């Protein structure tokens, strides 16, 4: 009653490998690009019409097709709602996390948008996997790590202070020592955001422990770039507690 059945059948047939060979090699990519719009038109009650096609596209041999879906999976999650997302999109999302960097970047750029749609218990499972984003197929792909730091600043609000301290803190410290200055600079902002998270939630002990670690790791670093990092962290945050701890332990 929403879309003429022949039109829907024609769209679903775009994933047929024979069509890609005889009609257009890019047809699967076009199908993947328009899928969120088709899903929105049909509504979540008719997702069963698209589910098999989506799964076929998500496993397409062309990484450009999978990349297209990775960039829009957060939009599809909004359309489908939390129950269908958990049942049908989370497994595909997990597959994208282990894919090529060209596909993973699509997930990473909208990581916060996707995670905030999940239930807290399901969302917490990804704390263990965030560390994997630090490692890329090409170490020169510094923009990947830059994007990770930007997303983590947003993701902080989704987790409690203890989880931030146990998992995200380690990633932030690693990024602060990155070889690329752009990555280090955005990571300094991440460190300050973590400190603000601790003190906004009255987790003063965690905040003090983190500052002590920053002092030991950067203020007393034998390399000037480490000591410079400590100065930049203080500059970025205008965090008076950083200076008081520096005086106390310096």
Protein backbone atom coordinates (compact mmCIF):
# COMPACT_ATOMS: atom_id res chain seq x y z
CA UNK A 1 0.00 0.00 0.00
CA UNK A 2 3.03 2.30 0.30
CA UNK A 3 5.12 1.45 -2.77
CA UNK A 4 3.93 -0.40 -5.89
CA UNK A 5 5.08 -4.00 -5.55
CA UNK A 6 6.81 -4.10 -8.99
CA UNK A 7 8.86 -1.05 -8.02
CA UNK A 8 9.93 -2.64 -4.73
CA UNK A 9 10.78 -5.89 -6.50
CA UNK A 10 12.89 -3.96 -9.00
CA UNK A 11 14.80 -2.30 -6.18
CA UNK A 12 15.38 -5.57 -4.31
CA UNK A 13 16.73 -7.18 -7.45
CA UNK A 14 19.62 -4.69 -7.57
CA UNK A 15 21.67 -6.98 -5.35
CA UNK A 16 21.60 -9.73 -7.96
CA UNK A 17 25.25 -10.31 -9.06
CA UNK A 18 24.07 -10.91 -12.63
CA UNK A 19 22.72 -7.37 -12.82
CA UNK A 20 26.05 -5.97 -11.64
CA UNK A 21 27.79 -7.77 -14.48
CA UNK A 22 25.33 -6.97 -17.24
CA UNK A 23 23.73 -3.66 -16.23
CA UNK A 24 25.99 -1.59 -14.00
CA UNK A 25 28.93 -2.57 -11.80
CA UNK A 26 27.98 0.25 -9.39
CA UNK A 27 24.36 -0.80 -9.03
CA UNK A 28 24.87 -2.44 -5.61
CA UNK A 29 26.50 0.73 -4.32
CA UNK A 30 23.56 2.83 -5.52
CA UNK A 31 21.21 0.37 -3.85
CA UNK A 32 23.13 0.67 -0.58
CA UNK A 33 23.14 4.47 -0.79
CA UNK A 34 19.37 4.71 -1.16
CA UNK A 35 18.45 1.97 1.32
CA UNK A 36 17.86 4.27 4.35
CA UNK A 37 15.43 6.31 2.22
CA UNK A 38 13.58 3.19 1.15
CA UNK A 39 13.47 1.98 4.76
CA UNK A 40 12.08 5.34 5.90
CA UNK A 41 9.40 5.22 3.22
CA UNK A 42 8.35 1.67 4.07
CA UNK A 43 8.50 2.24 7.84
CA UNK A 44 9.89 -0.08 10.49
CA UNK A 45 6.80 -2.29 10.31
CA UNK A 46 7.90 -3.33 6.82
CA UNK A 47 11.59 -3.79 7.58
CA UNK A 48 11.22 -7.49 6.88
CA UNK A 49 10.95 -6.57 3.19
CA UNK A 50 14.47 -5.10 3.23
CA UNK A 51 16.25 -7.17 5.85
CA UNK A 52 17.63 -9.84 3.50
CA UNK A 53 18.71 -7.23 0.96
CA UNK A 54 20.51 -5.26 3.64
CA UNK A 55 22.36 -8.33 4.88
CA UNK A 56 23.35 -9.20 1.31
CA UNK A 57 24.72 -5.71 0.74
CA UNK A 58 26.56 -5.78 4.09
CA UNK A 59 28.49 -8.83 2.92
CA UNK A 60 29.10 -7.58 -0.62
CA UNK A 61 32.60 -8.29 -1.95
CA UNK A 62 32.99 -4.63 -2.97
CA UNK A 63 34.25 -2.63 -0.01
CA UNK A 64 32.63 0.52 -1.44
CA UNK A 65 29.22 -1.07 -0.93
CA UNK A 66 29.98 -2.00 2.67
CA UNK A 67 31.50 1.45 3.25
CA UNK A 68 28.29 3.11 2.04
CA UNK A 69 26.24 1.10 4.53
CA UNK A 70 28.72 1.80 7.33
CA UNK A 71 28.29 5.54 6.85
CA UNK A 72 24.50 5.30 7.14
CA UNK A 73 23.94 2.56 9.72
CA UNK A 74 23.28 5.14 12.45
CA UNK A 75 20.51 6.69 10.33
CA UNK A 76 18.94 3.31 9.74
CA UNK A 77 19.06 2.64 13.49
CA UNK A 78 16.96 5.76 14.11
CA UNK A 79 14.41 4.55 11.57
CA UNK A 80 14.18 1.01 12.94
CA UNK A 81 14.18 1.74 16.67
CA UNK A 82 16.09 0.05 19.48
CA UNK A 83 14.61 -3.46 19.25
CA UNK A 84 15.21 -3.99 15.54
CA UNK A 85 18.58 -2.28 15.81
CA UNK A 86 19.71 -4.66 18.53
CA UNK A 87 18.44 -7.71 16.65
CA UNK A 88 19.39 -6.90 13.04
CA UNK A 89 21.86 -4.01 12.92
CA UNK A 90 24.20 -4.73 15.83
CA UNK A 91 25.59 -7.95 14.23
CA UNK A 92 26.29 -6.05 11.00
CA UNK A 93 27.78 -3.15 12.96
CA UNK A 94 30.10 -5.61 14.69
CA UNK A 95 31.17 -6.95 11.32
CA UNK A 96 31.99 -3.45 10.08
CA UNK A 97 34.18 -2.91 13.14
CA UNK A 98 36.47 -5.69 11.91
CA UNK A 99 36.42 -4.66 8.26
CA UNK A 100 38.92 -2.65 6.21
CA UNK A 101 39.79 0.84 7.40
CA UNK A 102 37.85 2.23 4.44
CA UNK A 103 34.73 0.62 5.94
CA UNK A 104 35.57 1.13 9.62
CA UNK A 105 35.87 4.89 9.15
CA UNK A 106 32.19 5.02 8.25
CA UNK A 107 31.32 3.42 11.57
CA UNK A 108 33.83 5.54 13.47
CA UNK A 109 32.58 8.87 12.13
CA UNK A 110 29.14 8.19 13.59
CA UNK A 111 30.13 5.97 16.51
CA UNK A 112 28.50 8.23 19.10
CA UNK A 113 25.30 8.52 17.06
CA UNK A 114 24.97 4.73 16.93
CA UNK A 115 26.02 3.90 20.50
CA UNK A 116 23.60 6.40 22.06
CA UNK A 117 20.71 4.49 20.47
CA UNK A 118 21.62 1.23 22.23
CA UNK A 119 20.55 0.14 25.70
CA UNK A 120 23.13 0.82 28.40
CA UNK A 121 24.04 -2.86 28.86
CA UNK A 122 24.57 -3.42 25.13
CA UNK A 123 26.47 -0.14 24.83
CA UNK A 124 28.83 -1.13 27.61
CA UNK A 125 29.98 -4.16 25.62
CA UNK A 126 31.73 -1.84 23.18
CA UNK A 127 34.06 -0.48 25.83
CA UNK A 128 36.29 -3.48 25.18
CA UNK A 129 36.39 -2.82 21.44
CA UNK A 130 37.13 0.91 21.36
CA UNK A 131 40.82 0.22 21.88
CA UNK A 132 40.87 -1.58 18.51
CA UNK A 133 40.31 1.71 16.70
CA UNK A 134 43.79 2.87 17.71
CA UNK A 135 45.25 0.22 15.40
CA UNK A 136 44.81 0.80 11.67
CA UNK A 137 45.81 -1.05 8.51
CA UNK A 138 48.08 1.88 7.64
CA UNK A 139 49.86 3.63 10.51
CA UNK A 140 50.08 6.76 8.37
CA UNK A 141 46.31 7.08 8.47
CA UNK A 142 46.44 9.63 11.27
CA UNK A 143 43.01 11.06 10.44
CA UNK A 144 41.52 7.79 11.66
CA UNK A 145 43.02 8.35 15.12
CA UNK A 146 42.00 12.01 15.02
CA UNK A 147 38.40 10.98 14.35
CA UNK A 148 38.59 8.51 17.23
CA UNK A 149 39.60 11.25 19.67
CA UNK A 150 36.77 13.48 18.45
CA UNK A 151 34.22 10.71 18.88
CA UNK A 152 35.49 9.81 22.35
CA UNK A 153 34.88 13.39 23.51
CA UNK A 154 31.21 12.88 22.62
CA UNK A 155 31.05 9.29 23.88
CA UNK A 156 32.13 10.30 27.39
CA UNK A 157 28.56 11.23 28.27
CA UNK A 158 27.37 7.69 27.55
CA UNK A 159 29.47 6.01 30.26
CA UNK A 160 29.91 6.40 34.00
CA UNK A 161 33.17 7.77 35.48
CA UNK A 162 34.47 4.33 36.47
CA UNK A 163 34.11 3.00 32.93
CA UNK A 164 35.77 6.12 31.56
CA UNK A 165 38.68 5.64 33.94
CA UNK A 166 39.06 1.92 33.30
CA UNK A 167 38.79 1.96 29.51
CA UNK A 168 38.74 5.37 27.81
CA UNK A 169 41.55 6.84 29.90
CA UNK A 170 44.09 4.42 28.42
CA UNK A 171 43.07 5.31 24.88
CA UNK A 172 43.35 9.02 25.61
CA UNK A 173 46.87 8.64 27.02
CA UNK A 174 47.94 6.61 23.99
CA UNK A 175 46.61 9.24 21.61
CA UNK A 176 48.36 12.00 23.56
CA UNK A 177 51.66 10.39 22.59
CA UNK A 178 50.80 10.05 18.91
CA UNK A 179 53.49 10.89 16.36
CA UNK A 180 51.20 13.39 14.59
CA UNK A 181 50.70 16.76 16.27
CA UNK A 182 47.09 17.12 15.07
CA UNK A 183 46.17 13.88 16.81
CA UNK A 184 47.98 14.93 19.99
CA UNK A 185 46.21 18.29 20.06
CA UNK A 186 42.68 16.88 19.81
CA UNK A 187 43.72 14.27 22.40
CA UNK A 188 44.64 17.02 24.86
CA UNK A 189 41.04 18.22 24.55
CA UNK A 190 39.91 14.66 25.22
CA UNK A 191 42.01 14.49 28.39
CA UNK A 192 40.50 17.73 29.67
CA UNK A 193 36.99 16.45 28.83
CA UNK A 194 37.71 13.31 30.88
CA UNK A 195 38.83 15.41 33.84
CA UNK A 196 35.68 17.52 33.55
CA UNK A 197 33.64 14.31 33.44
CA UNK A 198 35.17 13.14 36.71
CA UNK A 199 34.64 16.36 38.61
CA UNK A 200 31.16 16.98 37.18
CA UNK A 201 30.15 13.59 38.62
CA UNK A 202 31.95 14.16 41.95
CA UNK A 203 34.47 11.43 41.14
CA UNK A 204 37.23 13.50 42.70
CA UNK A 205 39.44 10.54 43.55
CA UNK A 206 39.44 9.38 39.93
CA UNK A 207 40.20 12.90 38.79
CA UNK A 208 43.13 13.24 41.17
CA UNK A 209 44.52 9.83 40.17
CA UNK A 210 44.30 10.80 36.52
CA UNK A 211 46.09 14.11 37.11
CA UNK A 212 48.81 12.31 39.06
CA UNK A 213 49.25 10.00 36.07
CA UNK A 214 49.48 12.97 33.72
CA UNK A 215 52.16 14.52 35.91
CA UNK A 216 54.24 11.35 36.01
CA UNK A 217 53.75 10.52 32.34
CA UNK A 218 54.18 13.97 30.81
CA UNK A 219 55.45 16.54 33.30
CA UNK A 220 58.40 14.34 34.30
CA UNK A 221 58.91 12.93 30.79
CA UNK A 222 62.55 12.77 29.71
CA UNK A 223 61.55 14.06 26.25
CA UNK A 224 60.61 17.68 25.71
CA UNK A 225 57.56 16.70 23.65
CA UNK A 226 56.10 15.00 26.72
CA UNK A 227 56.65 18.04 28.92
CA UNK A 228 55.18 20.20 26.17
CA UNK A 229 52.12 17.96 26.14
CA UNK A 230 51.58 18.61 29.85
CA UNK A 231 51.75 22.35 29.26
CA UNK A 232 49.28 22.11 26.39
CA UNK A 233 46.85 20.05 28.48
CA UNK A 234 46.88 22.76 31.13
CA UNK A 235 46.46 25.42 28.47
CA UNK A 236 43.57 23.69 26.72
CA UNK A 237 41.57 23.08 29.86
CA UNK A 238 42.51 26.13 31.90
CA UNK A 239 42.29 23.53 34.64
CA UNK A 240 43.58 25.09 37.85
CA UNK A 241 43.77 21.71 39.58
CA UNK A 242 46.38 20.63 37.05
CA UNK A 243 48.61 23.46 38.20
CA UNK A 244 48.04 22.85 41.91
CA UNK A 245 48.96 19.20 41.52
CA UNK A 246 51.96 20.20 39.46
CA UNK A 247 53.14 22.45 42.31
CA UNK A 248 52.52 19.72 44.84
CA UNK A 249 54.25 16.92 42.92
CA UNK A 250 56.60 18.89 40.66
